[in-house]
Amino acid sequence: MLSYLMTWVLLPMLAVWGAFGVGVLLLGLRARWLTPPRLLARWTPAYAR
């Protein structure tokens, strides 16, 4: 029962969360690459620089 649950519930959930994380990461990297340094400096808090 548990293996059935893991196969059909946890694995798809893991795949969805993984894809979501990768998408957010790529979006953030692309936004950082395309943003001019001045805007980035204004938007980014001091601790993140």
PDB file of N, CA and C in Angstrom:
ATOM      1  N   MET A   1       0.833  -1.205   0.000  1.00  0.00           N
ATOM      2  CA  MET A   1       0.000   0.000   0.000  1.00  0.00           C
ATOM      3  C   MET A   1       0.869   1.257   0.000  1.00  0.00           C
ATOM      4  N   LEU A   2       1.897   1.235   0.850  1.00  0.00           N
ATOM      5  CA  LEU A   2       2.752   2.413   0.950  1.00  0.00           C
ATOM      6  C   LEU A   2       3.562   2.618  -0.330  1.00  0.00           C
ATOM      7  N   SER A   3       4.051   1.521  -0.905  1.00  0.00           N
ATOM      8  CA  SER A   3       4.834   1.651  -2.135  1.00  0.00           C
ATOM      9  C   SER A   3       3.956   2.162  -3.278  1.00  0.00           C
ATOM     10  N   TYR A   4       2.711   1.692  -3.316  1.00  0.00           N
ATOM     11  CA  TYR A   4       1.762   2.179  -4.324  1.00  0.00           C
ATOM     12  C   TYR A   4       1.547   3.678  -4.155  1.00  0.00           C
ATOM     13  N   LEU A   5       1.350   4.099  -2.916  1.00  0.00           N
ATOM     14  CA  LEU A   5       1.146   5.516  -2.630  1.00  0.00           C
ATOM     15  C   LEU A   5       2.378   6.323  -3.028  1.00  0.00           C
ATOM     16  N   MET A   6       3.551   5.810  -2.691  1.00  0.00           N
ATOM     17  CA  MET A   6       4.786   6.529  -3.013  1.00  0.00           C
ATOM     18  C   MET A   6       4.960   6.658  -4.516  1.00  0.00           C
ATOM     19  N   THR A   7       4.635   5.582  -5.249  1.00  0.00           N
ATOM     20  CA  THR A   7       4.846   5.606  -6.701  1.00  0.00           C
ATOM     21  C   THR A   7       3.926   6.609  -7.383  1.00  0.00           C
ATOM     22  N   TRP A   8       2.654   6.635  -6.981  1.00  0.00           N
ATOM     23  CA  TRP A   8       1.682   7.422  -7.736  1.00  0.00           C
ATOM     24  C   TRP A   8       1.378   8.792  -7.147  1.00  0.00           C
ATOM     25  N   VAL A   9       1.867   9.060  -5.922  1.00  0.00           N
ATOM     26  CA  VAL A   9       1.584  10.358  -5.305  1.00  0.00           C
ATOM     27  C   VAL A   9       2.867  11.137  -5.070  1.00  0.00           C
ATOM     28  N   LEU A  10       3.833  10.514  -4.409  1.00  0.00           N
ATOM     29  CA  LEU A  10       5.032  11.254  -4.014  1.00  0.00           C
ATOM     30  C   LEU A  10       5.940  11.547  -5.203  1.00  0.00           C
ATOM     31  N   LEU A  11       6.106  10.579  -6.102  1.00  0.00           N
ATOM     32  CA  LEU A  11       7.003  10.816  -7.237  1.00  0.00           C
ATOM     33  C   LEU A  11       6.499  11.925  -8.165  1.00  0.00           C
ATOM     34  N   PRO A  12       5.222  11.915  -8.569  1.00  0.00           N
ATOM     35  CA  PRO A  12       4.733  13.053  -9.375  1.00  0.00           C
ATOM     36  C   PRO A  12       4.840  14.382  -8.639  1.00  0.00           C
ATOM     37  N   MET A  13       4.560  14.374  -7.327  1.00  0.00           N
ATOM     38  CA  MET A  13       4.680  15.609  -6.554  1.00  0.00           C
ATOM     39  C   MET A  13       6.124  16.101  -6.562  1.00  0.00           C
ATOM     40  N   LEU A  14       7.058  15.166  -6.388  1.00  0.00           N
ATOM     41  CA  LEU A  14       8.477  15.515  -6.402  1.00  0.00           C
ATOM     42  C   LEU A  14       8.873  16.082  -7.767  1.00  0.00           C
ATOM     43  N   ALA A  15       8.377  15.463  -8.832  1.00  0.00           N
ATOM     44  CA  ALA A  15       8.691  15.943 -10.180  1.00  0.00           C
ATOM     45  C   ALA A  15       8.141  17.352 -10.395  1.00  0.00           C
ATOM     46  N   VAL A  16       6.917  17.585  -9.925  1.00  0.00           N
ATOM     47  CA  VAL A  16       6.302  18.909 -10.088  1.00  0.00           C
ATOM     48  C   VAL A  16       7.086  19.961  -9.320  1.00  0.00           C
ATOM     49  N   TRP A  17       7.444  19.644  -8.058  1.00  0.00           N
ATOM     50  CA  TRP A  17       8.193  20.609  -7.256  1.00  0.00           C
ATOM     51  C   TRP A  17       9.576  20.853  -7.858  1.00  0.00           C
ATOM     52  N   GLY A  18      10.204  19.784  -8.388  1.00  0.00           N
ATOM     53  CA  GLY A  18      11.518  19.938  -9.014  1.00  0.00           C
ATOM     54  C   GLY A  18      11.448  20.852 -10.232  1.00  0.00           C
ATOM     55  N   ALA A  19      10.444  20.620 -11.075  1.00  0.00           N
ATOM     56  CA  ALA A  19      10.289  21.452 -12.267  1.00  0.00           C
ATOM     57  C   ALA A  19      10.000  22.899 -11.879  1.00  0.00           C
ATOM     58  N   PHE A  20       9.170  23.075 -10.846  1.00  0.00           N
ATOM     59  CA  PHE A  20       8.842  24.419 -10.375  1.00  0.00           C
ATOM     60  C   PHE A  20      10.100  25.135  -9.882  1.00  0.00           C
ATOM     61  N   GLY A  21      10.911  24.428  -9.089  1.00  0.00           N
ATOM     62  CA  GLY A  21      12.146  25.019  -8.565  1.00  0.00           C
ATOM     63  C   GLY A  21      13.105  25.403  -9.681  1.00  0.00           C
ATOM     64  N   VAL A  22      13.264  24.497 -10.661  1.00  0.00           N
ATOM     65  CA  VAL A  22      14.172  24.784 -11.779  1.00  0.00           C
ATOM     66  C   VAL A  22      13.665  25.971 -12.589  1.00  0.00           C
ATOM     67  N   GLY A  23      12.357  26.022 -12.810  1.00  0.00           N
ATOM     68  CA  GLY A  23      11.785  27.136 -13.563  1.00  0.00           C
ATOM     69  C   GLY A  23      11.994  28.465 -12.865  1.00  0.00           C
ATOM     70  N   VAL A  24      11.766  28.481 -11.554  1.00  0.00           N
ATOM     71  CA  VAL A  24      11.962  29.715 -10.786  1.00  0.00           C
ATOM     72  C   VAL A  24      13.426  30.127 -10.813  1.00  0.00           C
ATOM     73  N   LEU A  25      14.316  29.141 -10.673  1.00  0.00           N
ATOM     74  CA  LEU A  25      15.754  29.427 -10.685  1.00  0.00           C
ATOM     75  C   LEU A  25      16.172  30.019 -12.031  1.00  0.00           C
ATOM     76  N   LEU A  26      15.723  29.396 -13.122  1.00  0.00           N
ATOM     77  CA  LEU A  26      16.080  29.895 -14.449  1.00  0.00           C
ATOM     78  C   LEU A  26      15.507  31.286 -14.676  1.00  0.00           C
ATOM     79  N   LEU A  27      14.275  31.504 -14.225  1.00  0.00           N
ATOM     80  CA  LEU A  27      13.648  32.812 -14.387  1.00  0.00           C
ATOM     81  C   LEU A  27      14.435  33.876 -13.632  1.00  0.00           C
ATOM     82  N   GLY A  28      14.853  33.549 -12.406  1.00  0.00           N
ATOM     83  CA  GLY A  28      15.628  34.496 -11.611  1.00  0.00           C
ATOM     84  C   GLY A  28      16.974  34.801 -12.252  1.00  0.00           C
ATOM     85  N   LEU A  29      17.637  33.758 -12.762  1.00  0.00           N
ATOM     86  CA  LEU A  29      18.935  33.972 -13.398  1.00  0.00           C
ATOM     87  C   LEU A  29      18.782  34.820 -14.655  1.00  0.00           C
ATOM     88  N   ARG A  30      17.737  34.521 -15.451  1.00  0.00           N
ATOM     89  CA  ARG A  30      17.535  35.282 -16.679  1.00  0.00           C
ATOM     90  C   ARG A  30      17.224  36.740 -16.361  1.00  0.00           C
ATOM     91  N   ALA A  31      16.401  36.959 -15.337  1.00  0.00           N
ATOM     92  CA  ALA A  31      16.068  38.328 -14.953  1.00  0.00           C
ATOM     93  C   ALA A  31      17.323  39.060 -14.481  1.00  0.00           C
ATOM     94  N   ARG A  32      18.185  38.358 -13.749  1.00  0.00           N
ATOM     95  CA  ARG A  32      19.405  38.998 -13.260  1.00  0.00           C
ATOM     96  C   ARG A  32      20.337  39.332 -14.419  1.00  0.00           C
ATOM     97  N   TRP A  33      20.417  38.427 -15.415  1.00  0.00           N
ATOM     98  CA  TRP A  33      21.294  38.677 -16.558  1.00  0.00           C
ATOM     99  C   TRP A  33      20.786  39.833 -17.411  1.00  0.00           C
ATOM    100  N   LEU A  34      19.454  39.949 -17.536  1.00  0.00           N
ATOM    101  CA  LEU A  34      18.901  40.965 -18.428  1.00  0.00           C
ATOM    102  C   LEU A  34      18.734  42.319 -17.755  1.00  0.00           C
ATOM    103  N   THR A  35      18.864  42.352 -16.417  1.00  0.00           N
ATOM    104  CA  THR A  35      18.636  43.604 -15.706  1.00  0.00           C
ATOM    105  C   THR A  35      19.910  44.444 -15.689  1.00  0.00           C
ATOM    106  N   PRO A  36      19.821  45.720 -16.021  1.00  0.00           N
ATOM    107  CA  PRO A  36      20.983  46.601 -15.932  1.00  0.00           C
ATOM    108  C   PRO A  36      21.503  46.660 -14.498  1.00  0.00           C
ATOM    109  N   PRO A  37      22.812  46.831 -14.315  1.00  0.00           N
ATOM    110  CA  PRO A  37      23.398  46.812 -12.970  1.00  0.00           C
ATOM    111  C   PRO A  37      22.809  47.865 -12.037  1.00  0.00           C
ATOM    112  N   ARG A  38      22.455  49.038 -12.576  1.00  0.00           N
ATOM    113  CA  ARG A  38      21.910  50.083 -11.696  1.00  0.00           C
ATOM    114  C   ARG A  38      20.577  49.658 -11.097  1.00  0.00           C
ATOM    115  N   LEU A  39      19.688  49.121 -11.952  1.00  0.00           N
ATOM    116  CA  LEU A  39      18.392  48.657 -11.457  1.00  0.00           C
ATOM    117  C   LEU A  39      18.581  47.514 -10.469  1.00  0.00           C
ATOM    118  N   LEU A  40      19.511  46.613 -10.796  1.00  0.00           N
ATOM    119  CA  LEU A  40      19.764  45.479  -9.910  1.00  0.00           C
ATOM    120  C   LEU A  40      20.240  45.968  -8.554  1.00  0.00           C
ATOM    121  N   ALA A  41      21.123  46.967  -8.562  1.00  0.00           N
ATOM    122  CA  ALA A  41      21.638  47.493  -7.298  1.00  0.00           C
ATOM    123  C   ALA A  41      20.516  48.152  -6.497  1.00  0.00           C
ATOM    124  N   ARG A  42      19.578  48.769  -7.198  1.00  0.00           N
ATOM    125  CA  ARG A  42      18.490  49.430  -6.476  1.00  0.00           C
ATOM    126  C   ARG A  42      17.504  48.401  -5.911  1.00  0.00           C
ATOM    127  N   TRP A  43      17.249  47.334  -6.685  1.00  0.00           N
ATOM    128  CA  TRP A  43      16.269  46.344  -6.246  1.00  0.00           C
ATOM    129  C   TRP A  43      16.828  45.389  -5.202  1.00  0.00           C
ATOM    130  N   THR A  44      18.143  45.119  -5.274  1.00  0.00           N
ATOM    131  CA  THR A  44      18.726  44.082  -4.424  1.00  0.00           C
ATOM    132  C   THR A  44      19.067  44.656  -3.061  1.00  0.00           C
ATOM    133  N   PRO A  45      18.597  44.025  -1.983  1.00  0.00           N
ATOM    134  CA  PRO A  45      18.993  44.469  -0.641  1.00  0.00           C
ATOM    135  C   PRO A  45      20.499  44.333  -0.447  1.00  0.00           C
ATOM    136  N   ALA A  46      21.026  45.073   0.504  1.00  0.00           N
ATOM    137  CA  ALA A  46      22.471  45.100   0.708  1.00  0.00           C
ATOM    138  C   ALA A  46      23.005  43.721   1.077  1.00  0.00           C
ATOM    139  N   TYR A  47      22.239  42.942   1.859  1.00  0.00           N
ATOM    140  CA  TYR A  47      22.753  41.648   2.306  1.00  0.00           C
ATOM    141  C   TYR A  47      22.827  40.633   1.172  1.00  0.00           C
ATOM    142  N   ALA A  48      22.105  40.868   0.081  1.00  0.00           N
ATOM    143  CA  ALA A  48      22.110  39.898  -1.013  1.00  0.00           C
ATOM    144  C   ALA A  48      23.209  40.191  -2.026  1.00  0.00           C
ATOM    145  N   ARG A  49      23.856  41.326  -1.914  1.00  0.00           N
ATOM    146  CA  ARG A  49      24.884  41.687  -2.879  1.00  0.00           C
ATOM    147  C   ARG A  49      26.210  41.015  -2.594  1.00  0.00           C
TER     148      ARG A  49
END
